[in-house]
Amino acid sequence: MNSSVVAEGEMKRLEGKNALIIGSSWKIKMAAKLNISIIIPVLNEEEMLLKMSDRFSELKQTAEVIFVDGESSDGTVELASQLGKVLKGKKGRGVQMNLGAKKATGDILLFLHADAYINKRAVSSVRECIHKGAVGGCFTQRLNNKFAVYRYMERQGTVRAKKTKIFYGDQGIFVRRDIFFALGGYPEVPVMEDILFSRKLRRAGKVECLDDRIYVSARRWEKHGFFKTNILYNIILLLFSLHIPLRIIKYLYKDKR
């Protein structure tokens, strides 16, 4: 059965549980005492970890940082072990993030890509957002490229996230730990696990797109070309909306996963 159909069925089943999931006992805990686990799936990201080492070291001071390796063949594991905890699992972003979530100790789970970072203030904003009653959310994306066309794309992404409450993985999805497991975690599918999960998340309660920025590498667009990459992603989204099997969409997806 198509995984998106399964996800829709799961969302309907969860509607009757929402009152229990959003229990008021959560709000009793002080925002400052809400622990956060940052989970980062990696696969052959030695070069990116070298560039981002200072950023991850900074995050380590305010949250638990967990790297989940998907059988890298370079120096990813060695570098990651200096920046946080390292788990070894099978290749697949959904699989890796679920493994990290199972081993995490935080009240809040925050999922980052290896080529993205946030600052300490953004971590505090996540705590405040959850304390005020949200079950999850994402950040406002900023691509690390100076050209104006990237600012236009960022604005589009922010408007889409705020309007539809559907979040992409490179926007930094965060969620209450109990909600994450009540929803069954990320679908362990070849692609689109972020969209499938955020569809379920928005049905579980209030979700927010924070004004705090998440800084993301523009390497995909710079490598393959801005317009070519955007056209490809739009084709992928169209195929997804038409319920084309994800294993077929995966062949078009230019991603290390």
C-alpha atoms as a PDB file:
ATOM      1  CA  MET A   1       0.000   0.000   0.000  1.00  0.00           C
ATOM      2  CA  ASN A   2       1.237   3.513  -0.787  1.00  0.00           C
ATOM      3  CA  SER A   3       2.909   5.047   2.283  1.00  0.00           C
ATOM      4  CA  SER A   4       0.980   8.324   1.920  1.00  0.00           C
ATOM      5  CA  VAL A   5      -2.295   6.408   2.157  1.00  0.00           C
ATOM      6  CA  VAL A   6      -1.051   4.702   5.297  1.00  0.00           C
ATOM      7  CA  ALA A   7      -0.073   8.068   6.748  1.00  0.00           C
ATOM      8  CA  GLU A   8      -3.540   9.510   6.080  1.00  0.00           C
ATOM      9  CA  GLY A   9      -5.146   6.523   7.797  1.00  0.00           C
ATOM     10  CA  GLU A  10      -2.913   6.975  10.794  1.00  0.00           C
ATOM     11  CA  MET A  11      -3.829  10.660  11.046  1.00  0.00           C
ATOM     12  CA  LYS A  12      -7.529   9.851  11.176  1.00  0.00           C
ATOM     13  CA  ARG A  13      -6.933   7.257  13.866  1.00  0.00           C
ATOM     14  CA  LEU A  14      -5.048   9.804  15.952  1.00  0.00           C
ATOM     15  CA  GLU A  15      -7.818  12.421  15.875  1.00  0.00           C
ATOM     16  CA  GLY A  16      -9.622  10.673  18.707  1.00  0.00           C
ATOM     17  CA  LYS A  17      -6.463  10.690  20.813  1.00  0.00           C
ATOM     18  CA  ASN A  18      -5.655  14.388  20.580  1.00  0.00           C
ATOM     19  CA  ALA A  19      -7.223  15.358  23.897  1.00  0.00           C
ATOM     20  CA  LEU A  20      -5.017  12.826  25.638  1.00  0.00           C
ATOM     21  CA  ILE A  21      -1.883  13.776  23.687  1.00  0.00           C
ATOM     22  CA  ILE A  22      -2.179  17.487  24.451  1.00  0.00           C
ATOM     23  CA  GLY A  23      -2.483  16.891  28.199  1.00  0.00           C
ATOM     24  CA  SER A  24      -2.160  19.998  30.380  1.00  0.00           C
ATOM     25  CA  SER A  25       0.470  18.351  32.596  1.00  0.00           C
ATOM     26  CA  TRP A  26       3.108  19.236  29.977  1.00  0.00           C
ATOM     27  CA  LYS A  27       2.709  22.975  30.663  1.00  0.00           C
ATOM     28  CA  ILE A  28       3.561  22.546  34.332  1.00  0.00           C
ATOM     29  CA  LYS A  29       7.209  22.025  33.467  1.00  0.00           C
ATOM     30  CA  MET A  30       9.223  25.250  33.256  1.00  0.00           C
ATOM     31  CA  ALA A  31      10.366  26.148  29.744  1.00  0.00           C
ATOM     32  CA  ALA A  32      13.994  26.443  30.855  1.00  0.00           C
ATOM     33  CA  LYS A  33      13.893  22.863  32.143  1.00  0.00           C
ATOM     34  CA  LEU A  34      12.668  21.335  28.903  1.00  0.00           C
ATOM     35  CA  ASN A  35      15.614  19.325  27.630  1.00  0.00           C
ATOM     36  CA  ILE A  36      16.279  19.229  23.890  1.00  0.00           C
ATOM     37  CA  SER A  37      17.921  16.484  21.865  1.00  0.00           C
ATOM     38  CA  ILE A  38      19.242  17.524  18.454  1.00  0.00           C
ATOM     39  CA  ILE A  39      19.324  14.580  16.049  1.00  0.00           C
ATOM     40  CA  ILE A  40      21.405  14.787  12.877  1.00  0.00           C
ATOM     41  CA  PRO A  41      21.408  11.968  10.295  1.00  0.00           C
ATOM     42  CA  VAL A  42      24.729  11.791   8.442  1.00  0.00           C
ATOM     43  CA  LEU A  43      26.150   9.887   5.498  1.00  0.00           C
ATOM     44  CA  ASN A  44      29.633  10.690   4.172  1.00  0.00           C
ATOM     45  CA  GLU A  45      29.510  14.229   5.581  1.00  0.00           C
ATOM     46  CA  GLU A  46      33.179  14.568   6.591  1.00  0.00           C
ATOM     47  CA  GLU A  47      33.650  17.797   4.622  1.00  0.00           C
ATOM     48  CA  MET A  48      30.484  19.411   5.988  1.00  0.00           C
ATOM     49  CA  LEU A  49      31.238  18.425   9.586  1.00  0.00           C
ATOM     50  CA  LEU A  50      34.661  20.053   9.292  1.00  0.00           C
ATOM     51  CA  LYS A  51      33.006  23.285   8.126  1.00  0.00           C
ATOM     52  CA  MET A  52      30.304  23.134  10.803  1.00  0.00           C
ATOM     53  CA  SER A  53      32.344  21.889  13.766  1.00  0.00           C
ATOM     54  CA  ASP A  54      32.204  25.204  15.656  1.00  0.00           C
ATOM     55  CA  ARG A  55      28.429  25.411  15.163  1.00  0.00           C
ATOM     56  CA  PHE A  56      27.794  21.913  16.477  1.00  0.00           C
ATOM     57  CA  SER A  57      30.179  22.465  19.394  1.00  0.00           C
ATOM     58  CA  GLU A  58      28.131  25.539  20.332  1.00  0.00           C
ATOM     59  CA  LEU A  59      24.867  23.597  20.194  1.00  0.00           C
ATOM     60  CA  LYS A  60      26.386  20.886  22.367  1.00  0.00           C
ATOM     61  CA  GLN A  61      26.548  23.431  25.194  1.00  0.00           C
ATOM     62  CA  THR A  62      22.782  23.881  25.275  1.00  0.00           C
ATOM     63  CA  ALA A  63      21.362  20.552  24.046  1.00  0.00           C
ATOM     64  CA  GLU A  64      22.101  16.876  23.608  1.00  0.00           C
ATOM     65  CA  VAL A  65      23.605  16.402  20.131  1.00  0.00           C
ATOM     66  CA  ILE A  66      23.244  12.997  18.484  1.00  0.00           C
ATOM     67  CA  PHE A  67      24.672  12.066  15.084  1.00  0.00           C
ATOM     68  CA  VAL A  68      23.210   8.964  13.459  1.00  0.00           C
ATOM     69  CA  ASP A  69      25.508   7.521  10.823  1.00  0.00           C
ATOM     70  CA  GLY A  70      24.161   5.589   7.850  1.00  0.00           C
ATOM     71  CA  GLU A  71      27.231   3.486   7.059  1.00  0.00           C
ATOM     72  CA  SER A  72      29.616   6.273   5.989  1.00  0.00           C
ATOM     73  CA  SER A  73      32.811   5.320   4.203  1.00  0.00           C
ATOM     74  CA  ASP A  74      34.782   8.489   5.002  1.00  0.00           C
ATOM     75  CA  GLY A  75      35.808  10.142   8.273  1.00  0.00           C
ATOM     76  CA  THR A  76      32.277  11.149   9.300  1.00  0.00           C
ATOM     77  CA  VAL A  77      32.068   8.919  12.380  1.00  0.00           C
ATOM     78  CA  GLU A  78      35.422  10.035  13.760  1.00  0.00           C
ATOM     79  CA  LEU A  79      34.589  13.718  13.359  1.00  0.00           C
ATOM     80  CA  ALA A  80      31.038  13.362  14.677  1.00  0.00           C
ATOM     81  CA  SER A  81      32.307  11.600  17.812  1.00  0.00           C
ATOM     82  CA  GLN A  82      34.151  14.814  18.711  1.00  0.00           C
ATOM     83  CA  LEU A  83      31.010  16.911  18.346  1.00  0.00           C
ATOM     84  CA  GLY A  84      28.371  14.777  20.042  1.00  0.00           C
ATOM     85  CA  LYS A  85      27.114  11.262  20.563  1.00  0.00           C
ATOM     86  CA  VAL A  86      27.309   8.898  17.606  1.00  0.00           C
ATOM     87  CA  LEU A  87      24.939   6.070  16.741  1.00  0.00           C
ATOM     88  CA  LYS A  88      25.470   3.668  13.871  1.00  0.00           C
ATOM     89  CA  GLY A  89      22.496   2.461  11.865  1.00  0.00           C
ATOM     90  CA  LYS A  90      21.313   1.596   8.399  1.00  0.00           C
ATOM     91  CA  LYS A  91      21.192   4.068   5.531  1.00  0.00           C
ATOM     92  CA  GLY A  92      17.941   5.996   5.220  1.00  0.00           C
ATOM     93  CA  ARG A  93      17.076   9.375   6.692  1.00  0.00           C
ATOM     94  CA  GLY A  94      13.804   8.212   8.276  1.00  0.00           C
ATOM     95  CA  VAL A  95      15.484   5.110   9.715  1.00  0.00           C
ATOM     96  CA  GLN A  96      18.385   7.144  11.080  1.00  0.00           C
ATOM     97  CA  MET A  97      16.216   9.820  12.675  1.00  0.00           C
ATOM     98  CA  ASN A  98      13.979   7.238  14.325  1.00  0.00           C
ATOM     99  CA  LEU A  99      17.027   5.507  15.792  1.00  0.00           C
ATOM    100  CA  GLY A 100      18.289   8.807  17.151  1.00  0.00           C
ATOM    101  CA  ALA A 101      14.891   9.579  18.670  1.00  0.00           C
ATOM    102  CA  LYS A 102      14.787   6.216  20.462  1.00  0.00           C
ATOM    103  CA  LYS A 103      18.163   6.868  22.090  1.00  0.00           C
ATOM    104  CA  ALA A 104      17.569  10.564  22.834  1.00  0.00           C
ATOM    105  CA  THR A 105      16.879  11.746  26.384  1.00  0.00           C
ATOM    106  CA  GLY A 106      15.286  15.136  25.644  1.00  0.00           C
ATOM    107  CA  ASP A 107      11.704  16.243  26.221  1.00  0.00           C
ATOM    108  CA  ILE A 108      11.884  17.836  22.760  1.00  0.00           C
ATOM    109  CA  LEU A 109      13.366  16.283  19.634  1.00  0.00           C
ATOM    110  CA  LEU A 110      14.896  18.625  17.049  1.00  0.00           C
ATOM    111  CA  PHE A 111      15.944  17.177  13.699  1.00  0.00           C
ATOM    112  CA  LEU A 112      18.652  18.942  11.682  1.00  0.00           C
ATOM    113  CA  HIS A 113      20.363  18.120   8.418  1.00  0.00           C
ATOM    114  CA  ALA A 114      24.154  17.983   8.480  1.00  0.00           C
ATOM    115  CA  ASP A 115      24.407  21.100   6.295  1.00  0.00           C
ATOM    116  CA  ALA A 116      22.189  23.262   8.513  1.00  0.00           C
ATOM    117  CA  TYR A 117      22.664  25.038  11.824  1.00  0.00           C
ATOM    118  CA  ILE A 118      20.810  27.189  14.328  1.00  0.00           C
ATOM    119  CA  ASN A 119      22.063  29.395  17.160  1.00  0.00           C
ATOM    120  CA  LYS A 120      21.478  29.183  20.892  1.00  0.00           C
ATOM    121  CA  ARG A 121      18.658  31.723  20.744  1.00  0.00           C
ATOM    122  CA  ALA A 122      16.759  29.487  18.332  1.00  0.00           C
ATOM    123  CA  VAL A 123      17.103  26.578  20.780  1.00  0.00           C
ATOM    124  CA  SER A 124      15.596  28.776  23.513  1.00  0.00           C
ATOM    125  CA  SER A 125      12.756  29.742  21.167  1.00  0.00           C
ATOM    126  CA  VAL A 126      11.928  26.071  20.678  1.00  0.00           C
ATOM    127  CA  ARG A 127      11.619  25.615  24.437  1.00  0.00           C
ATOM    128  CA  GLU A 128       9.367  28.659  24.722  1.00  0.00           C
ATOM    129  CA  CYS A 129       7.227  27.562  21.781  1.00  0.00           C
ATOM    130  CA  ILE A 130       6.607  24.108  23.242  1.00  0.00           C
ATOM    131  CA  HIS A 131       6.030  25.525  26.730  1.00  0.00           C
ATOM    132  CA  LYS A 132       3.301  27.787  25.331  1.00  0.00           C
ATOM    133  CA  GLY A 133       1.376  24.788  24.013  1.00  0.00           C
ATOM    134  CA  ALA A 134       2.701  23.939  20.552  1.00  0.00           C
ATOM    135  CA  VAL A 135       3.418  20.293  19.776  1.00  0.00           C
ATOM    136  CA  GLY A 136       6.079  21.070  17.200  1.00  0.00           C
ATOM    137  CA  GLY A 137       7.241  23.307  14.407  1.00  0.00           C
ATOM    138  CA  CYS A 138      10.135  24.497  12.268  1.00  0.00           C
ATOM    139  CA  PHE A 139      12.353  27.551  11.655  1.00  0.00           C
ATOM    140  CA  THR A 140      12.555  30.274   9.006  1.00  0.00           C
ATOM    141  CA  GLN A 141      15.073  29.136   6.419  1.00  0.00           C
ATOM    142  CA  ARG A 142      18.052  31.192   5.306  1.00  0.00           C
ATOM    143  CA  LEU A 143      20.168  29.772   2.459  1.00  0.00           C
ATOM    144  CA  ASN A 144      23.877  30.540   2.597  1.00  0.00           C
ATOM    145  CA  ASN A 145      24.103  32.295  -0.755  1.00  0.00           C
ATOM    146  CA  LYS A 146      24.084  36.065  -1.311  1.00  0.00           C
ATOM    147  CA  PHE A 147      22.094  36.200  -4.580  1.00  0.00           C
ATOM    148  CA  ALA A 148      18.618  37.765  -4.430  1.00  0.00           C
ATOM    149  CA  VAL A 149      16.902  34.788  -6.071  1.00  0.00           C
ATOM    150  CA  TYR A 150      17.591  32.758  -2.910  1.00  0.00           C
ATOM    151  CA  ARG A 151      15.797  35.376  -0.791  1.00  0.00           C
ATOM    152  CA  TYR A 152      12.731  34.972  -3.007  1.00  0.00           C
ATOM    153  CA  MET A 153      12.829  31.195  -2.591  1.00  0.00           C
ATOM    154  CA  GLU A 154      13.207  31.543   1.184  1.00  0.00           C
ATOM    155  CA  ARG A 155      10.144  33.783   1.407  1.00  0.00           C
ATOM    156  CA  GLN A 156       8.128  31.302  -0.619  1.00  0.00           C
ATOM    157  CA  GLY A 157       9.159  28.501   1.720  1.00  0.00           C
ATOM    158  CA  THR A 158       8.245  30.492   4.815  1.00  0.00           C
ATOM    159  CA  VAL A 159       4.816  31.471   3.460  1.00  0.00           C
ATOM    160  CA  ARG A 160       4.144  27.849   2.471  1.00  0.00           C
ATOM    161  CA  ALA A 161       5.171  26.526   5.893  1.00  0.00           C
ATOM    162  CA  LYS A 162       3.053  29.045   7.795  1.00  0.00           C
ATOM    163  CA  LYS A 163       0.020  28.570   5.579  1.00  0.00           C
ATOM    164  CA  THR A 164      -0.002  24.792   5.087  1.00  0.00           C
ATOM    165  CA  LYS A 165       1.808  23.730   8.291  1.00  0.00           C
ATOM    166  CA  ILE A 166       3.784  21.287   6.155  1.00  0.00           C
ATOM    167  CA  PHE A 167       7.487  21.425   6.972  1.00  0.00           C
ATOM    168  CA  TYR A 168      10.533  20.250   5.037  1.00  0.00           C
ATOM    169  CA  GLY A 169      13.465  18.592   6.754  1.00  0.00           C
ATOM    170  CA  ASP A 170      15.877  21.405   5.911  1.00  0.00           C
ATOM    171  CA  GLN A 171      13.648  23.810   7.845  1.00  0.00           C
ATOM    172  CA  GLY A 172      14.591  22.010  11.069  1.00  0.00           C
ATOM    173  CA  ILE A 173      11.568  20.116  12.379  1.00  0.00           C
ATOM    174  CA  PHE A 174      11.096  19.961  16.148  1.00  0.00           C
ATOM    175  CA  VAL A 175       8.481  18.047  18.119  1.00  0.00           C
ATOM    176  CA  ARG A 176       7.561  17.006  21.628  1.00  0.00           C
ATOM    177  CA  ARG A 177       9.048  13.612  22.353  1.00  0.00           C
ATOM    178  CA  ASP A 178       5.751  12.065  23.482  1.00  0.00           C
ATOM    179  CA  ILE A 179       3.984  13.350  20.375  1.00  0.00           C
ATOM    180  CA  PHE A 180       6.697  11.964  18.119  1.00  0.00           C
ATOM    181  CA  PHE A 181       6.275   8.441  19.414  1.00  0.00           C
ATOM    182  CA  ALA A 182       2.476   8.700  19.571  1.00  0.00           C
ATOM    183  CA  LEU A 183       2.583   9.495  15.849  1.00  0.00           C
ATOM    184  CA  GLY A 184       4.817   6.525  15.124  1.00  0.00           C
ATOM    185  CA  GLY A 185       7.922   8.570  14.287  1.00  0.00           C
ATOM    186  CA  TYR A 186       9.120   9.216  10.755  1.00  0.00           C
ATOM    187  CA  PRO A 187       7.869   6.921   8.002  1.00  0.00           C
ATOM    188  CA  GLU A 188      10.862   4.805   6.962  1.00  0.00           C
ATOM    189  CA  VAL A 189      10.497   5.503   3.266  1.00  0.00           C
ATOM    190  CA  PRO A 190      13.027   6.372   0.512  1.00  0.00           C
ATOM    191  CA  VAL A 191      12.026  10.077   0.319  1.00  0.00           C
ATOM    192  CA  MET A 192       9.373  12.538   1.544  1.00  0.00           C
ATOM    193  CA  GLU A 193       9.525  11.343   5.152  1.00  0.00           C
ATOM    194  CA  ASP A 194       9.477  14.984   6.313  1.00  0.00           C
ATOM    195  CA  ILE A 195       6.246  15.838   4.483  1.00  0.00           C
ATOM    196  CA  LEU A 196       4.531  12.631   5.577  1.00  0.00           C
ATOM    197  CA  PHE A 197       5.515  13.231   9.193  1.00  0.00           C
ATOM    198  CA  SER A 198       4.523  16.911   9.299  1.00  0.00           C
ATOM    199  CA  ARG A 199       1.117  16.002   7.854  1.00  0.00           C
ATOM    200  CA  LYS A 200       0.568  13.861  10.909  1.00  0.00           C
ATOM    201  CA  LEU A 201       2.090  16.444  13.235  1.00  0.00           C
ATOM    202  CA  ARG A 202      -0.279  19.251  12.237  1.00  0.00           C
ATOM    203  CA  ARG A 203      -3.222  17.018  13.148  1.00  0.00           C
ATOM    204  CA  ALA A 204      -1.838  16.410  16.638  1.00  0.00           C
ATOM    205  CA  GLY A 205      -2.063  20.018  17.794  1.00  0.00           C
ATOM    206  CA  LYS A 206      -0.702  23.525  17.307  1.00  0.00           C
ATOM    207  CA  VAL A 207       2.453  23.805  15.177  1.00  0.00           C
ATOM    208  CA  GLU A 208       4.533  26.916  14.504  1.00  0.00           C
ATOM    209  CA  CYS A 209       7.013  28.228  11.950  1.00  0.00           C
ATOM    210  CA  LEU A 210       9.325  30.274  14.174  1.00  0.00           C
ATOM    211  CA  ASP A 211      10.894  33.548  13.067  1.00  0.00           C
ATOM    212  CA  ASP A 212      14.273  32.290  14.270  1.00  0.00           C
ATOM    213  CA  ARG A 213      16.469  31.378  11.339  1.00  0.00           C
ATOM    214  CA  ILE A 214      17.955  28.078  10.337  1.00  0.00           C
ATOM    215  CA  TYR A 215      21.002  28.582   8.124  1.00  0.00           C
ATOM    216  CA  VAL A 216      21.214  26.018   5.343  1.00  0.00           C
ATOM    217  CA  SER A 217      23.925  25.319   2.771  1.00  0.00           C
ATOM    218  CA  ALA A 218      22.941  26.117  -0.807  1.00  0.00           C
ATOM    219  CA  ARG A 219      25.209  23.336  -2.064  1.00  0.00           C
ATOM    220  CA  ARG A 220      22.456  21.425  -3.897  1.00  0.00           C
ATOM    221  CA  TRP A 221      21.484  24.459  -5.998  1.00  0.00           C
ATOM    222  CA  GLU A 222      25.091  25.553  -6.524  1.00  0.00           C
ATOM    223  CA  LYS A 223      26.142  22.090  -7.681  1.00  0.00           C
ATOM    224  CA  HIS A 224      23.285  21.301 -10.048  1.00  0.00           C
ATOM    225  CA  GLY A 225      22.148  24.817 -10.976  1.00  0.00           C
ATOM    226  CA  PHE A 226      19.479  26.955  -9.303  1.00  0.00           C
ATOM    227  CA  PHE A 227      16.738  26.745 -11.923  1.00  0.00           C
ATOM    228  CA  LYS A 228      17.418  23.140 -12.888  1.00  0.00           C
ATOM    229  CA  THR A 229      17.256  22.077  -9.239  1.00  0.00           C
ATOM    230  CA  ASN A 230      14.012  23.974  -8.592  1.00  0.00           C
ATOM    231  CA  ILE A 231      12.351  22.505 -11.671  1.00  0.00           C
ATOM    232  CA  LEU A 232      13.402  19.033 -10.554  1.00  0.00           C
ATOM    233  CA  TYR A 233      11.983  19.552  -7.058  1.00  0.00           C
ATOM    234  CA  ASN A 234       8.697  20.825  -8.471  1.00  0.00           C
ATOM    235  CA  ILE A 235       8.451  17.722 -10.655  1.00  0.00           C
ATOM    236  CA  ILE A 236       9.129  15.561  -7.601  1.00  0.00           C
ATOM    237  CA  LEU A 237       6.383  17.316  -5.622  1.00  0.00           C
ATOM    238  CA  LEU A 238       3.960  16.874  -8.524  1.00  0.00           C
ATOM    239  CA  LEU A 239       4.721  13.158  -8.741  1.00  0.00           C
ATOM    240  CA  PHE A 240       4.269  12.877  -4.980  1.00  0.00           C
ATOM    241  CA  SER A 241       0.868  14.594  -5.165  1.00  0.00           C
ATOM    242  CA  LEU A 242      -0.133  12.091  -7.854  1.00  0.00           C
ATOM    243  CA  HIS A 243       0.774   9.224  -5.482  1.00  0.00           C
ATOM    244  CA  ILE A 244       3.584   7.935  -7.668  1.00  0.00           C
ATOM    245  CA  PRO A 245       5.437   5.240  -5.663  1.00  0.00           C
ATOM    246  CA  LEU A 246       8.224   6.736  -3.563  1.00  0.00           C
ATOM    247  CA  ARG A 247      10.750   4.198  -4.826  1.00  0.00           C
ATOM    248  CA  ILE A 248      10.307   5.733  -8.294  1.00  0.00           C
ATOM    249  CA  ILE A 249      10.539   9.325  -7.028  1.00  0.00           C
ATOM    250  CA  LYS A 250      13.748   8.359  -5.241  1.00  0.00           C
ATOM    251  CA  TYR A 251      15.525   7.921  -8.579  1.00  0.00           C
ATOM    252  CA  LEU A 252      14.963  11.612  -9.353  1.00  0.00           C
ATOM    253  CA  TYR A 253      16.031  12.851  -5.942  1.00  0.00           C
ATOM    254  CA  LYS A 254      19.618  14.158  -5.968  1.00  0.00           C
ATOM    255  CA  ASP A 255      20.429  13.317  -2.374  1.00  0.00           C
ATOM    256  CA  LYS A 256      23.094  11.279  -0.592  1.00  0.00           C
ATOM    257  CA  ARG A 257      20.483   9.259   1.268  1.00  0.00           C
END
